Amino acid sequence: MSGRLVIGIVVGGLLGYGMYRFIGCSIGTCPITSNPWVSTIVGMVIGGMFAGGF
């Protein structure tokens, strides 16, 4: 893996967790932001896609 891809995955994961932590879902029905694991993994995937150029 290239360094750029690793950085994209890490930054995406941090932003995904931040989305859960600071935006979140107050009633628990939001499929992405109601669970910290899901939001972090989705952020990592999106970050990796951006860093890798899709």
C-alpha atoms as a PDB file:
ATOM      1  CA  MET A   1       0.000   0.000   0.000  1.00  0.00           C
ATOM      2  CA  SER A   2       1.183   3.471  -0.743  1.00  0.00           C
ATOM      3  CA  GLY A   3       1.584   6.080   1.954  1.00  0.00           C
ATOM      4  CA  ARG A   4      -1.044   8.239   0.324  1.00  0.00           C
ATOM      5  CA  LEU A   5      -3.621   5.466   0.566  1.00  0.00           C
ATOM      6  CA  VAL A   6      -2.807   4.771   4.214  1.00  0.00           C
ATOM      7  CA  ILE A   7      -3.138   8.457   5.063  1.00  0.00           C
ATOM      8  CA  GLY A   8      -6.475   8.603   3.227  1.00  0.00           C
ATOM      9  CA  ILE A   9      -7.784   5.601   5.156  1.00  0.00           C
ATOM     10  CA  VAL A  10      -6.655   6.995   8.523  1.00  0.00           C
ATOM     11  CA  VAL A  11      -8.040  10.477   7.865  1.00  0.00           C
ATOM     12  CA  GLY A  12     -11.302   9.004   6.560  1.00  0.00           C
ATOM     13  CA  GLY A  13     -11.644   6.862   9.662  1.00  0.00           C
ATOM     14  CA  LEU A  14     -11.070   9.843  11.923  1.00  0.00           C
ATOM     15  CA  LEU A  15     -13.618  11.917  10.028  1.00  0.00           C
ATOM     16  CA  GLY A  16     -16.104   9.036  10.102  1.00  0.00           C
ATOM     17  CA  TYR A  17     -15.753   8.683  13.854  1.00  0.00           C
ATOM     18  CA  GLY A  18     -16.000  12.467  14.224  1.00  0.00           C
ATOM     19  CA  MET A  19     -19.234  12.372  12.283  1.00  0.00           C
ATOM     20  CA  TYR A  20     -20.603   9.803  14.745  1.00  0.00           C
ATOM     21  CA  ARG A  21     -19.306  11.696  17.775  1.00  0.00           C
ATOM     22  CA  PHE A  22     -20.282  15.259  16.890  1.00  0.00           C
ATOM     23  CA  ILE A  23     -23.207  14.887  14.486  1.00  0.00           C
ATOM     24  CA  GLY A  24     -24.556  11.450  15.376  1.00  0.00           C
ATOM     25  CA  CYS A  25     -28.144  10.356  15.476  1.00  0.00           C
ATOM     26  CA  SER A  26     -30.161  11.122  18.575  1.00  0.00           C
ATOM     27  CA  ILE A  27     -32.844   8.485  18.039  1.00  0.00           C
ATOM     28  CA  GLY A  28     -30.600   5.631  16.862  1.00  0.00           C
ATOM     29  CA  THR A  29     -32.311   4.933  13.553  1.00  0.00           C
ATOM     30  CA  CYS A  30     -29.674   6.414  11.262  1.00  0.00           C
ATOM     31  CA  PRO A  31     -27.812   3.472   9.692  1.00  0.00           C
ATOM     32  CA  ILE A  32     -24.389   5.149   9.458  1.00  0.00           C
ATOM     33  CA  THR A  33     -24.159   7.709  12.241  1.00  0.00           C
ATOM     34  CA  SER A  34     -25.842   5.701  15.000  1.00  0.00           C
ATOM     35  CA  ASN A  35     -22.962   3.210  15.329  1.00  0.00           C
ATOM     36  CA  PRO A  36     -19.308   4.296  15.790  1.00  0.00           C
ATOM     37  CA  TRP A  37     -17.941   1.157  14.087  1.00  0.00           C
ATOM     38  CA  VAL A  38     -20.048   1.597  10.979  1.00  0.00           C
ATOM     39  CA  SER A  39     -19.337   5.309  10.626  1.00  0.00           C
ATOM     40  CA  THR A  40     -15.582   4.737  11.091  1.00  0.00           C
ATOM     41  CA  ILE A  41     -15.471   1.929   8.516  1.00  0.00           C
ATOM     42  CA  VAL A  42     -17.529   3.915   6.001  1.00  0.00           C
ATOM     43  CA  GLY A  43     -15.189   6.876   6.526  1.00  0.00           C
ATOM     44  CA  MET A  44     -12.158   4.644   5.977  1.00  0.00           C
ATOM     45  CA  VAL A  45     -13.593   3.273   2.731  1.00  0.00           C
ATOM     46  CA  ILE A  46     -14.452   6.732   1.412  1.00  0.00           C
ATOM     47  CA  GLY A  47     -11.061   8.110   2.490  1.00  0.00           C
ATOM     48  CA  GLY A  48      -9.302   5.228   0.750  1.00  0.00           C
ATOM     49  CA  MET A  49     -11.323   5.826  -2.405  1.00  0.00           C
ATOM     50  CA  PHE A  50     -10.438   9.510  -2.467  1.00  0.00           C
ATOM     51  CA  ALA A  51      -6.759   8.864  -1.797  1.00  0.00           C
ATOM     52  CA  GLY A  52      -6.578   6.085  -4.358  1.00  0.00           C
ATOM     53  CA  GLY A  53      -8.332   8.112  -7.030  1.00  0.00           C
ATOM     54  CA  PHE A  54     -11.395   5.842  -7.105  1.00  0.00           C
END
